[in-house]
Amino acid sequence: TMFVKPFCFFILNVVIGCHTLQIKPNCYSFFSPSKLCMTKMDKTIENGLKKTKKILVLGGSGFVGNKFIEEYQSQVTTSERDYNVELVSLSRRGLKPLIQSSPQFNIVSVQGDATNESVIADVFLKHGPFDGCVHAMGLLLDSQSGNVLMKLNKYASGSGSEVTQESTYDKVTRQSAFSVMEALASQSVGANNSSNPPVFIFISAAEAGWKVDPPVDWLRRYLLAKRQVETKILSLTTSTTAPLRGVIFRPSLIWTWDRPQALLSVIPFYLANKIGISFIDRPVTLESLVQSMVIVIENQNVSGIQRYVDIDNLLAGK
């Protein structure tokens, strides 16, 4: 069937530990301006002669999140900008110590569980308001995938993340994303800032665009969580008040030359896409993805779903 090849590729990636799709769960929780103790959002904070842009990253210690922080820091510190950046990284493990702050790019590392509604509220209260959020947390195999498969997530994850019994697609992807989106939307509405709303970047998956049901239960639940987040983002982005500027990245396999062993699983996807198999998207490099994410933060005109072709266009300046 049409699912045989992609399903085999998914399993192969799990076995060799090269699959790095990042699918994030949404949250059921909702925030109000009063709960967040916010009255007016000041998009930028004066810092000497420059202003400060504040960005929240969920999953800053992960495969995509950590590389995004490195790339954003590199661009801000090596090229002239009319603003500085304060980046707040929220993750279970804390930020890797290799990434250091600089005068132009201050990093605040917060260790905590982003699936916990009170943790998100506390981060917004202490460190907000934010100009945007990057949701780069997720897992390929959750606790409901079975004891054998959930243990394989450590090897399938780009950052070696281990799954706990509480780690479900719905909780890690949907609940965390919903919580942050509602918090961002609340601060934006409170500030009456619909002309320049905060950006919410979500790392989804190319397979979320499939028009047919996945062949296995864990993949169905994985994509369900992704699709629920996408639907929420698009509803907030296209509403009349537009409290968010939502950007959804839909990469296929994410790989990097730093891990050449990933080529074993990446090459079949490249070939399948090349010969025109419509439901197989071309893989993207980690570097291309995070560079595109930085572009999206700074380009107010970008919103909606971004596939591999759109990533190419962003990098080409189109």
C-alpha atoms as a PDB file:
ATOM      1  CA  THR A   1       0.000   0.000   0.000  1.00  0.00           C
ATOM      2  CA  MET A   2       0.956   3.682  -0.113  1.00  0.00           C
ATOM      3  CA  PHE A   3       1.951   3.461   3.568  1.00  0.00           C
ATOM      4  CA  VAL A   4       4.498   0.661   3.312  1.00  0.00           C
ATOM      5  CA  LYS A   5       7.513   2.798   2.453  1.00  0.00           C
ATOM      6  CA  PRO A   6       6.928   5.681   4.903  1.00  0.00           C
ATOM      7  CA  PHE A   7       6.052   3.247   7.677  1.00  0.00           C
ATOM      8  CA  CYS A   8       9.236   1.258   7.093  1.00  0.00           C
ATOM      9  CA  PHE A   9      11.243   4.464   7.073  1.00  0.00           C
ATOM     10  CA  PHE A  10       9.716   5.495  10.398  1.00  0.00           C
ATOM     11  CA  ILE A  11      10.626   2.154  11.968  1.00  0.00           C
ATOM     12  CA  LEU A  12      14.127   2.302  10.488  1.00  0.00           C
ATOM     13  CA  ASN A  13      14.631   5.714  11.975  1.00  0.00           C
ATOM     14  CA  VAL A  14      13.567   4.500  15.381  1.00  0.00           C
ATOM     15  CA  VAL A  15      15.953   1.555  15.275  1.00  0.00           C
ATOM     16  CA  ILE A  16      19.029   3.532  14.239  1.00  0.00           C
ATOM     17  CA  GLY A  17      18.191   6.561  16.329  1.00  0.00           C
ATOM     18  CA  CYS A  18      18.210   9.041  13.468  1.00  0.00           C
ATOM     19  CA  HIS A  19      14.592  10.159  13.267  1.00  0.00           C
ATOM     20  CA  THR A  20      14.318  13.697  14.562  1.00  0.00           C
ATOM     21  CA  LEU A  21      10.774  14.798  13.809  1.00  0.00           C
ATOM     22  CA  GLN A  22       9.596  17.196  16.489  1.00  0.00           C
ATOM     23  CA  ILE A  23       5.838  16.983  17.169  1.00  0.00           C
ATOM     24  CA  LYS A  24       4.530  19.079  19.977  1.00  0.00           C
ATOM     25  CA  PRO A  25       1.410  18.587  22.050  1.00  0.00           C
ATOM     26  CA  ASN A  26      -1.143  21.240  22.896  1.00  0.00           C
ATOM     27  CA  CYS A  27      -2.571  22.198  26.217  1.00  0.00           C
ATOM     28  CA  TYR A  28      -6.139  22.075  27.438  1.00  0.00           C
ATOM     29  CA  SER A  29      -5.554  24.980  29.770  1.00  0.00           C
ATOM     30  CA  PHE A  30      -6.540  28.539  28.995  1.00  0.00           C
ATOM     31  CA  PHE A  31      -5.249  31.794  30.398  1.00  0.00           C
ATOM     32  CA  SER A  32      -6.852  35.139  30.971  1.00  0.00           C
ATOM     33  CA  PRO A  33      -5.140  38.538  31.264  1.00  0.00           C
ATOM     34  CA  SER A  34      -6.088  38.720  34.930  1.00  0.00           C
ATOM     35  CA  LYS A  35      -4.558  35.308  35.710  1.00  0.00           C
ATOM     36  CA  LEU A  36      -1.314  36.359  34.094  1.00  0.00           C
ATOM     37  CA  CYS A  37      -1.398  39.697  35.965  1.00  0.00           C
ATOM     38  CA  MET A  38      -0.853  41.575  32.697  1.00  0.00           C
ATOM     39  CA  THR A  39      -2.508  44.854  31.882  1.00  0.00           C
ATOM     40  CA  LYS A  40      -0.584  46.171  28.885  1.00  0.00           C
ATOM     41  CA  MET A  41       2.020  44.566  26.689  1.00  0.00           C
ATOM     42  CA  ASP A  42       5.114  46.597  26.049  1.00  0.00           C
ATOM     43  CA  LYS A  43       6.521  44.911  22.948  1.00  0.00           C
ATOM     44  CA  THR A  44      10.022  46.154  23.543  1.00  0.00           C
ATOM     45  CA  ILE A  45      11.944  47.274  26.585  1.00  0.00           C
ATOM     46  CA  GLU A  46      14.390  50.112  26.468  1.00  0.00           C
ATOM     47  CA  ASN A  47      17.953  48.910  27.002  1.00  0.00           C
ATOM     48  CA  GLY A  48      20.405  51.727  26.488  1.00  0.00           C
ATOM     49  CA  LEU A  49      20.139  52.900  22.886  1.00  0.00           C
ATOM     50  CA  LYS A  50      18.541  49.673  21.760  1.00  0.00           C
ATOM     51  CA  LYS A  51      15.325  47.885  22.527  1.00  0.00           C
ATOM     52  CA  THR A  52      15.003  44.320  23.752  1.00  0.00           C
ATOM     53  CA  LYS A  53      13.013  41.624  22.003  1.00  0.00           C
ATOM     54  CA  LYS A  54      11.869  38.856  24.345  1.00  0.00           C
ATOM     55  CA  ILE A  55      11.462  35.322  22.980  1.00  0.00           C
ATOM     56  CA  LEU A  56      10.332  32.212  24.862  1.00  0.00           C
ATOM     57  CA  VAL A  57      11.616  28.818  23.671  1.00  0.00           C
ATOM     58  CA  LEU A  58       9.971  25.581  24.800  1.00  0.00           C
ATOM     59  CA  GLY A  59      12.387  22.678  24.485  1.00  0.00           C
ATOM     60  CA  GLY A  60      15.549  24.777  24.428  1.00  0.00           C
ATOM     61  CA  SER A  61      17.704  21.777  25.371  1.00  0.00           C
ATOM     62  CA  GLY A  62      16.339  19.637  22.536  1.00  0.00           C
ATOM     63  CA  PHE A  63      17.590  18.893  19.036  1.00  0.00           C
ATOM     64  CA  VAL A  64      15.802  21.759  17.254  1.00  0.00           C
ATOM     65  CA  GLY A  65      15.433  24.174  20.170  1.00  0.00           C
ATOM     66  CA  ASN A  66      19.093  24.166  21.148  1.00  0.00           C
ATOM     67  CA  LYS A  67      20.259  24.667  17.569  1.00  0.00           C
ATOM     68  CA  PHE A  68      17.760  27.495  17.094  1.00  0.00           C
ATOM     69  CA  ILE A  69      19.175  29.316  20.118  1.00  0.00           C
ATOM     70  CA  GLU A  70      22.717  28.887  18.785  1.00  0.00           C
ATOM     71  CA  GLU A  71      21.709  30.217  15.355  1.00  0.00           C
ATOM     72  CA  TYR A  72      19.698  33.155  16.687  1.00  0.00           C
ATOM     73  CA  GLN A  73      22.520  34.128  19.036  1.00  0.00           C
ATOM     74  CA  SER A  74      25.062  33.914  16.215  1.00  0.00           C
ATOM     75  CA  GLN A  75      23.014  36.144  13.926  1.00  0.00           C
ATOM     76  CA  VAL A  76      22.280  38.747  16.584  1.00  0.00           C
ATOM     77  CA  THR A  77      25.880  38.987  17.798  1.00  0.00           C
ATOM     78  CA  THR A  78      27.579  39.011  14.383  1.00  0.00           C
ATOM     79  CA  SER A  79      25.332  41.430  12.488  1.00  0.00           C
ATOM     80  CA  GLU A  80      24.073  44.895  13.327  1.00  0.00           C
ATOM     81  CA  ARG A  81      20.489  45.059  14.593  1.00  0.00           C
ATOM     82  CA  ASP A  82      18.467  47.840  16.164  1.00  0.00           C
ATOM     83  CA  TYR A  83      17.502  45.611  19.072  1.00  0.00           C
ATOM     84  CA  ASN A  84      18.964  43.210  21.606  1.00  0.00           C
ATOM     85  CA  VAL A  85      17.435  39.852  22.509  1.00  0.00           C
ATOM     86  CA  GLU A  86      16.439  38.297  25.803  1.00  0.00           C
ATOM     87  CA  LEU A  87      15.713  34.624  25.244  1.00  0.00           C
ATOM     88  CA  VAL A  88      14.013  32.554  27.920  1.00  0.00           C
ATOM     89  CA  SER A  89      14.571  28.819  27.475  1.00  0.00           C
ATOM     90  CA  LEU A  90      12.154  26.520  29.304  1.00  0.00           C
ATOM     91  CA  SER A  91      12.976  22.807  29.375  1.00  0.00           C
ATOM     92  CA  ARG A  92      13.003  19.849  31.737  1.00  0.00           C
ATOM     93  CA  ARG A  93      16.788  19.492  31.607  1.00  0.00           C
ATOM     94  CA  GLY A  94      17.825  23.118  31.487  1.00  0.00           C
ATOM     95  CA  LEU A  95      19.871  24.745  28.730  1.00  0.00           C
ATOM     96  CA  LYS A  96      23.176  23.255  27.633  1.00  0.00           C
ATOM     97  CA  PRO A  97      26.026  25.226  29.256  1.00  0.00           C
ATOM     98  CA  LEU A  98      27.832  25.648  25.906  1.00  0.00           C
ATOM     99  CA  ILE A  99      25.459  28.482  24.972  1.00  0.00           C
ATOM    100  CA  GLN A 100      26.513  31.614  26.835  1.00  0.00           C
ATOM    101  CA  SER A 101      24.888  35.022  27.115  1.00  0.00           C
ATOM    102  CA  SER A 102      26.333  38.134  25.522  1.00  0.00           C
ATOM    103  CA  PRO A 103      25.508  41.865  25.779  1.00  0.00           C
ATOM    104  CA  GLN A 104      23.366  41.624  22.664  1.00  0.00           C
ATOM    105  CA  PHE A 105      21.832  38.243  23.467  1.00  0.00           C
ATOM    106  CA  ASN A 106      20.909  37.490  27.063  1.00  0.00           C
ATOM    107  CA  ILE A 107      19.848  33.907  27.807  1.00  0.00           C
ATOM    108  CA  VAL A 108      17.697  32.988  30.793  1.00  0.00           C
ATOM    109  CA  SER A 109      17.476  29.252  31.422  1.00  0.00           C
ATOM    110  CA  VAL A 110      14.407  28.016  33.303  1.00  0.00           C
ATOM    111  CA  GLN A 111      14.228  24.371  34.277  1.00  0.00           C
ATOM    112  CA  GLY A 112      10.643  23.188  34.433  1.00  0.00           C
ATOM    113  CA  ASP A 113       7.848  21.128  32.891  1.00  0.00           C
ATOM    114  CA  ALA A 114       6.165  23.048  30.070  1.00  0.00           C
ATOM    115  CA  THR A 115       3.183  20.698  30.211  1.00  0.00           C
ATOM    116  CA  ASN A 116       2.358  22.125  33.642  1.00  0.00           C
ATOM    117  CA  GLU A 117      -0.052  25.047  33.370  1.00  0.00           C
ATOM    118  CA  SER A 118       1.237  26.692  36.541  1.00  0.00           C
ATOM    119  CA  VAL A 119       4.824  26.574  35.241  1.00  0.00           C
ATOM    120  CA  ILE A 120       3.816  28.412  32.056  1.00  0.00           C
ATOM    121  CA  ALA A 121       1.866  30.999  34.041  1.00  0.00           C
ATOM    122  CA  ASP A 122       4.865  31.544  36.332  1.00  0.00           C
ATOM    123  CA  VAL A 123       7.242  32.009  33.377  1.00  0.00           C
ATOM    124  CA  PHE A 124       4.961  34.647  31.827  1.00  0.00           C
ATOM    125  CA  LEU A 125       4.537  36.381  35.173  1.00  0.00           C
ATOM    126  CA  LYS A 126       8.271  36.539  35.949  1.00  0.00           C
ATOM    127  CA  HIS A 127       9.774  36.930  32.480  1.00  0.00           C
ATOM    128  CA  GLY A 128       7.021  38.189  30.176  1.00  0.00           C
ATOM    129  CA  PRO A 129       5.503  39.745  28.241  1.00  0.00           C
ATOM    130  CA  PHE A 130       7.011  38.048  25.195  1.00  0.00           C
ATOM    131  CA  ASP A 131       7.304  39.124  21.580  1.00  0.00           C
ATOM    132  CA  GLY A 132       7.083  35.505  20.522  1.00  0.00           C
ATOM    133  CA  CYS A 133       7.436  31.849  21.354  1.00  0.00           C
ATOM    134  CA  VAL A 134       9.127  28.904  19.657  1.00  0.00           C
ATOM    135  CA  HIS A 135       7.525  25.538  20.438  1.00  0.00           C
ATOM    136  CA  ALA A 136      10.281  22.998  19.773  1.00  0.00           C
ATOM    137  CA  MET A 137       9.449  20.289  22.263  1.00  0.00           C
ATOM    138  CA  GLY A 138       8.031  16.882  21.506  1.00  0.00           C
ATOM    139  CA  LEU A 139       8.612  13.157  21.234  1.00  0.00           C
ATOM    140  CA  LEU A 140       8.291  10.543  18.511  1.00  0.00           C
ATOM    141  CA  LEU A 141       7.152   7.645  20.716  1.00  0.00           C
ATOM    142  CA  ASP A 142       5.062   8.303  23.835  1.00  0.00           C
ATOM    143  CA  SER A 143       4.196   6.306  26.938  1.00  0.00           C
ATOM    144  CA  GLN A 144       1.058   4.906  25.294  1.00  0.00           C
ATOM    145  CA  SER A 145       3.071   3.405  22.428  1.00  0.00           C
ATOM    146  CA  GLY A 146       3.951   0.376  24.561  1.00  0.00           C
ATOM    147  CA  ASN A 147       6.893  -0.412  26.827  1.00  0.00           C
ATOM    148  CA  VAL A 148       9.208  -1.448  24.012  1.00  0.00           C
ATOM    149  CA  LEU A 149       8.543   1.480  21.677  1.00  0.00           C
ATOM    150  CA  MET A 150       8.570   4.137  24.404  1.00  0.00           C
ATOM    151  CA  LYS A 151      12.068   3.031  25.433  1.00  0.00           C
ATOM    152  CA  LEU A 152      13.240   3.442  21.837  1.00  0.00           C
ATOM    153  CA  ASN A 153      12.397   7.160  21.935  1.00  0.00           C
ATOM    154  CA  LYS A 154      15.733   7.806  23.652  1.00  0.00           C
ATOM    155  CA  TYR A 155      17.490   6.633  20.502  1.00  0.00           C
ATOM    156  CA  ALA A 156      14.981   8.116  18.055  1.00  0.00           C
ATOM    157  CA  SER A 157      15.171  11.525  19.708  1.00  0.00           C
ATOM    158  CA  GLY A 158      17.736  13.954  18.362  1.00  0.00           C
ATOM    159  CA  SER A 159      18.631  14.928  21.937  1.00  0.00           C
ATOM    160  CA  GLY A 160      18.306  11.530  23.632  1.00  0.00           C
ATOM    161  CA  SER A 161      15.119  12.426  25.498  1.00  0.00           C
ATOM    162  CA  GLU A 162      13.659   9.678  27.693  1.00  0.00           C
ATOM    163  CA  VAL A 163       9.912   9.102  27.969  1.00  0.00           C
ATOM    164  CA  THR A 164       8.162   8.988  31.348  1.00  0.00           C
ATOM    165  CA  GLN A 165       4.790   7.406  32.083  1.00  0.00           C
ATOM    166  CA  GLU A 166       3.218  10.890  31.969  1.00  0.00           C
ATOM    167  CA  SER A 167       4.667  11.676  28.540  1.00  0.00           C
ATOM    168  CA  THR A 168       1.840  11.437  26.019  1.00  0.00           C
ATOM    169  CA  TYR A 169       1.520  13.124  22.639  1.00  0.00           C
ATOM    170  CA  ASP A 170      -1.504  15.022  23.876  1.00  0.00           C
ATOM    171  CA  LYS A 171       0.207  16.316  26.997  1.00  0.00           C
ATOM    172  CA  VAL A 172       3.651  17.080  25.586  1.00  0.00           C
ATOM    173  CA  THR A 173       2.419  18.541  22.303  1.00  0.00           C
ATOM    174  CA  ARG A 174      -1.148  19.759  22.575  1.00  0.00           C
ATOM    175  CA  GLN A 175      -1.355  20.855  26.177  1.00  0.00           C
ATOM    176  CA  SER A 176       1.944  22.731  26.237  1.00  0.00           C
ATOM    177  CA  ALA A 177       1.207  24.522  22.957  1.00  0.00           C
ATOM    178  CA  PHE A 178      -2.334  25.473  23.946  1.00  0.00           C
ATOM    179  CA  SER A 179      -1.153  26.915  27.259  1.00  0.00           C
ATOM    180  CA  VAL A 180       1.454  29.139  25.656  1.00  0.00           C
ATOM    181  CA  MET A 181      -0.811  30.238  22.807  1.00  0.00           C
ATOM    182  CA  GLU A 182      -3.508  31.295  25.226  1.00  0.00           C
ATOM    183  CA  ALA A 183      -0.959  33.178  27.334  1.00  0.00           C
ATOM    184  CA  LEU A 184       0.440  34.981  24.277  1.00  0.00           C
ATOM    185  CA  ALA A 185      -3.038  35.778  22.992  1.00  0.00           C
ATOM    186  CA  SER A 186      -4.083  37.139  26.389  1.00  0.00           C
ATOM    187  CA  GLN A 187      -1.132  39.505  26.675  1.00  0.00           C
ATOM    188  CA  SER A 188      -1.659  40.644  23.079  1.00  0.00           C
ATOM    189  CA  VAL A 189      -5.364  41.365  23.580  1.00  0.00           C
ATOM    190  CA  GLY A 190      -4.619  43.133  26.848  1.00  0.00           C
ATOM    191  CA  ALA A 191      -2.218  45.422  25.017  1.00  0.00           C
ATOM    192  CA  ASN A 192      -4.558  46.009  22.060  1.00  0.00           C
ATOM    193  CA  ASN A 193      -1.663  45.068  19.812  1.00  0.00           C
ATOM    194  CA  SER A 194      -3.431  43.343  16.914  1.00  0.00           C
ATOM    195  CA  SER A 195      -1.386  45.293  14.338  1.00  0.00           C
ATOM    196  CA  ASN A 196       1.836  43.633  15.526  1.00  0.00           C
ATOM    197  CA  PRO A 197       0.889  40.467  17.419  1.00  0.00           C
ATOM    198  CA  PRO A 198       3.444  38.124  18.996  1.00  0.00           C
ATOM    199  CA  VAL A 199       4.669  35.285  16.803  1.00  0.00           C
ATOM    200  CA  PHE A 200       4.107  31.637  17.709  1.00  0.00           C
ATOM    201  CA  ILE A 201       6.346  29.166  15.855  1.00  0.00           C
ATOM    202  CA  PHE A 202       5.337  25.524  15.987  1.00  0.00           C
ATOM    203  CA  ILE A 203       7.448  22.630  14.706  1.00  0.00           C
ATOM    204  CA  SER A 204       4.938  20.189  13.276  1.00  0.00           C
ATOM    205  CA  ALA A 205       5.518  17.367  10.775  1.00  0.00           C
ATOM    206  CA  ALA A 206       5.069  16.937   7.035  1.00  0.00           C
ATOM    207  CA  GLU A 207       2.847  13.920   7.673  1.00  0.00           C
ATOM    208  CA  ALA A 208       0.319  16.193   9.412  1.00  0.00           C
ATOM    209  CA  GLY A 209      -0.744  17.158   5.910  1.00  0.00           C
ATOM    210  CA  TRP A 210      -1.730  13.625   4.934  1.00  0.00           C
ATOM    211  CA  LYS A 211      -5.348  13.329   3.772  1.00  0.00           C
ATOM    212  CA  VAL A 212      -5.695   9.699   4.854  1.00  0.00           C
ATOM    213  CA  ASP A 213      -5.447   7.944   8.202  1.00  0.00           C
ATOM    214  CA  PRO A 214      -2.030   6.624   9.294  1.00  0.00           C
ATOM    215  CA  PRO A 215      -1.633   2.825   9.294  1.00  0.00           C
ATOM    216  CA  VAL A 216      -0.565   2.461  12.954  1.00  0.00           C
ATOM    217  CA  ASP A 217      -2.025   3.741  16.221  1.00  0.00           C
ATOM    218  CA  TRP A 218       1.035   5.546  17.591  1.00  0.00           C
ATOM    219  CA  LEU A 219       1.456   7.529  14.360  1.00  0.00           C
ATOM    220  CA  ARG A 220      -2.252   8.355  14.302  1.00  0.00           C
ATOM    221  CA  ARG A 221      -2.101   9.765  17.841  1.00  0.00           C
ATOM    222  CA  TYR A 222       1.166  11.562  17.087  1.00  0.00           C
ATOM    223  CA  LEU A 223      -0.350  13.330  14.077  1.00  0.00           C
ATOM    224  CA  LEU A 224      -3.631  14.001  15.859  1.00  0.00           C
ATOM    225  CA  ALA A 225      -1.824  16.071  18.477  1.00  0.00           C
ATOM    226  CA  LYS A 226       0.069  17.967  15.772  1.00  0.00           C
ATOM    227  CA  ARG A 227      -3.092  18.667  13.794  1.00  0.00           C
ATOM    228  CA  GLN A 228      -4.964  19.908  16.850  1.00  0.00           C
ATOM    229  CA  VAL A 229      -2.199  22.430  17.517  1.00  0.00           C
ATOM    230  CA  GLU A 230      -2.164  23.492  13.869  1.00  0.00           C
ATOM    231  CA  THR A 231      -5.929  24.032  13.895  1.00  0.00           C
ATOM    232  CA  LYS A 232      -5.690  26.176  17.028  1.00  0.00           C
ATOM    233  CA  ILE A 233      -2.855  28.248  15.572  1.00  0.00           C
ATOM    234  CA  LEU A 234      -4.707  28.915  12.334  1.00  0.00           C
ATOM    235  CA  SER A 235      -7.908  29.846  14.168  1.00  0.00           C
ATOM    236  CA  LEU A 236      -6.070  32.411  16.292  1.00  0.00           C
ATOM    237  CA  THR A 237      -4.054  33.728  13.354  1.00  0.00           C
ATOM    238  CA  THR A 238      -7.002  34.201  10.997  1.00  0.00           C
ATOM    239  CA  SER A 239      -9.448  35.604  13.541  1.00  0.00           C
ATOM    240  CA  THR A 240     -10.648  39.189  13.232  1.00  0.00           C
ATOM    241  CA  THR A 241      -8.653  40.269  16.270  1.00  0.00           C
ATOM    242  CA  ALA A 242      -5.592  38.187  15.240  1.00  0.00           C
ATOM    243  CA  PRO A 243      -3.978  37.923  18.700  1.00  0.00           C
ATOM    244  CA  LEU A 244      -1.139  35.808  17.260  1.00  0.00           C
ATOM    245  CA  ARG A 245       0.980  35.514  14.147  1.00  0.00           C
ATOM    246  CA  GLY A 246       1.141  31.760  13.856  1.00  0.00           C
ATOM    247  CA  VAL A 247       3.812  30.000  11.797  1.00  0.00           C
ATOM    248  CA  ILE A 248       3.707  26.219  11.345  1.00  0.00           C
ATOM    249  CA  PHE A 249       6.816  24.462  10.069  1.00  0.00           C
ATOM    250  CA  ARG A 250       6.086  21.058   8.526  1.00  0.00           C
ATOM    251  CA  PRO A 251       9.466  19.376   8.023  1.00  0.00           C
ATOM    252  CA  SER A 252       9.832  15.766   7.000  1.00  0.00           C
ATOM    253  CA  LEU A 253      12.994  14.187   8.430  1.00  0.00           C
ATOM    254  CA  ILE A 254      15.330  16.715  10.056  1.00  0.00           C
ATOM    255  CA  TRP A 255      19.001  15.887   9.759  1.00  0.00           C
ATOM    256  CA  THR A 256      22.456  17.425  10.038  1.00  0.00           C
ATOM    257  CA  TRP A 257      25.907  16.658   8.643  1.00  0.00           C
ATOM    258  CA  ASP A 258      27.097  16.559  12.255  1.00  0.00           C
ATOM    259  CA  ARG A 259      25.351  13.173  12.396  1.00  0.00           C
ATOM    260  CA  PRO A 260      26.163  11.520   9.047  1.00  0.00           C
ATOM    261  CA  GLN A 261      24.662   8.198  10.186  1.00  0.00           C
ATOM    262  CA  ALA A 262      21.254   9.826   9.586  1.00  0.00           C
ATOM    263  CA  LEU A 263      21.856   9.529   5.840  1.00  0.00           C
ATOM    264  CA  LEU A 264      20.758   5.878   6.044  1.00  0.00           C
ATOM    265  CA  SER A 265      17.215   7.012   6.768  1.00  0.00           C
ATOM    266  CA  VAL A 266      17.284  10.343   4.949  1.00  0.00           C
ATOM    267  CA  ILE A 267      18.338   9.121   1.478  1.00  0.00           C
ATOM    268  CA  PRO A 268      15.181   6.983   0.883  1.00  0.00           C
ATOM    269  CA  PHE A 269      13.045  10.047   1.600  1.00  0.00           C
ATOM    270  CA  TYR A 270      15.066  12.168  -0.822  1.00  0.00           C
ATOM    271  CA  LEU A 271      14.659   9.511  -3.521  1.00  0.00           C
ATOM    272  CA  ALA A 272      10.945   9.011  -2.879  1.00  0.00           C
ATOM    273  CA  ASN A 273      10.329  12.749  -3.116  1.00  0.00           C
ATOM    274  CA  LYS A 274      12.498  13.024  -6.233  1.00  0.00           C
ATOM    275  CA  ILE A 275      10.518  10.437  -8.181  1.00  0.00           C
ATOM    276  CA  GLY A 276       7.276  12.202  -7.310  1.00  0.00           C
ATOM    277  CA  ILE A 277       5.677  10.229  -4.473  1.00  0.00           C
ATOM    278  CA  SER A 278       3.238  12.945  -3.427  1.00  0.00           C
ATOM    279  CA  PHE A 279       2.963  12.122   0.280  1.00  0.00           C
ATOM    280  CA  ILE A 280       6.729  12.050   0.888  1.00  0.00           C
ATOM    281  CA  ASP A 281       8.284  15.465   1.498  1.00  0.00           C
ATOM    282  CA  ARG A 282      11.976  16.107   0.969  1.00  0.00           C
ATOM    283  CA  PRO A 283      13.980  16.066   4.237  1.00  0.00           C
ATOM    284  CA  VAL A 284      15.391  19.357   5.538  1.00  0.00           C
ATOM    285  CA  THR A 285      18.654  20.038   7.283  1.00  0.00           C
ATOM    286  CA  LEU A 286      18.593  21.216  10.856  1.00  0.00           C
ATOM    287  CA  GLU A 287      20.570  24.297   9.846  1.00  0.00           C
ATOM    288  CA  SER A 288      18.051  25.280   7.145  1.00  0.00           C
ATOM    289  CA  LEU A 289      15.151  24.871   9.534  1.00  0.00           C
ATOM    290  CA  VAL A 290      16.550  27.033  12.337  1.00  0.00           C
ATOM    291  CA  GLN A 291      17.742  29.724   9.918  1.00  0.00           C
ATOM    292  CA  SER A 292      14.191  29.896   8.569  1.00  0.00           C
ATOM    293  CA  MET A 293      12.843  30.191  12.104  1.00  0.00           C
ATOM    294  CA  VAL A 294      15.029  33.243  12.735  1.00  0.00           C
ATOM    295  CA  ILE A 295      13.805  34.799   9.479  1.00  0.00           C
ATOM    296  CA  VAL A 296      10.197  34.218  10.523  1.00  0.00           C
ATOM    297  CA  ILE A 297      10.720  35.958  13.868  1.00  0.00           C
ATOM    298  CA  GLU A 298      11.951  39.080  12.112  1.00  0.00           C
ATOM    299  CA  ASN A 299       9.613  39.052   9.094  1.00  0.00           C
ATOM    300  CA  GLN A 300       6.153  40.177  10.147  1.00  0.00           C
ATOM    301  CA  ASN A 301       4.698  39.155   6.780  1.00  0.00           C
ATOM    302  CA  VAL A 302       5.245  35.410   7.227  1.00  0.00           C
ATOM    303  CA  SER A 303       2.471  33.271   8.706  1.00  0.00           C
ATOM    304  CA  GLY A 304       0.714  29.958   8.155  1.00  0.00           C
ATOM    305  CA  ILE A 305       2.092  26.587   7.045  1.00  0.00           C
ATOM    306  CA  GLN A 306       5.684  26.345   5.814  1.00  0.00           C
ATOM    307  CA  ARG A 307       6.707  23.155   3.965  1.00  0.00           C
ATOM    308  CA  TYR A 308      10.156  22.330   2.600  1.00  0.00           C
ATOM    309  CA  VAL A 309       9.567  24.456  -0.512  1.00  0.00           C
ATOM    310  CA  ASP A 310       8.612  27.421   1.681  1.00  0.00           C
ATOM    311  CA  ILE A 311      11.774  26.920   3.742  1.00  0.00           C
ATOM    312  CA  ASP A 312      13.780  27.075   0.525  1.00  0.00           C
ATOM    313  CA  ASN A 313      12.016  30.309  -0.430  1.00  0.00           C
ATOM    314  CA  LEU A 314      12.604  31.889   2.976  1.00  0.00           C
ATOM    315  CA  LEU A 315      16.317  31.143   2.761  1.00  0.00           C
ATOM    316  CA  ALA A 316      16.415  32.523  -0.786  1.00  0.00           C
ATOM    317  CA  GLY A 317      14.764  35.741   0.340  1.00  0.00           C
ATOM    318  CA  LYS A 318      11.581  35.169  -1.641  1.00  0.00           C
END
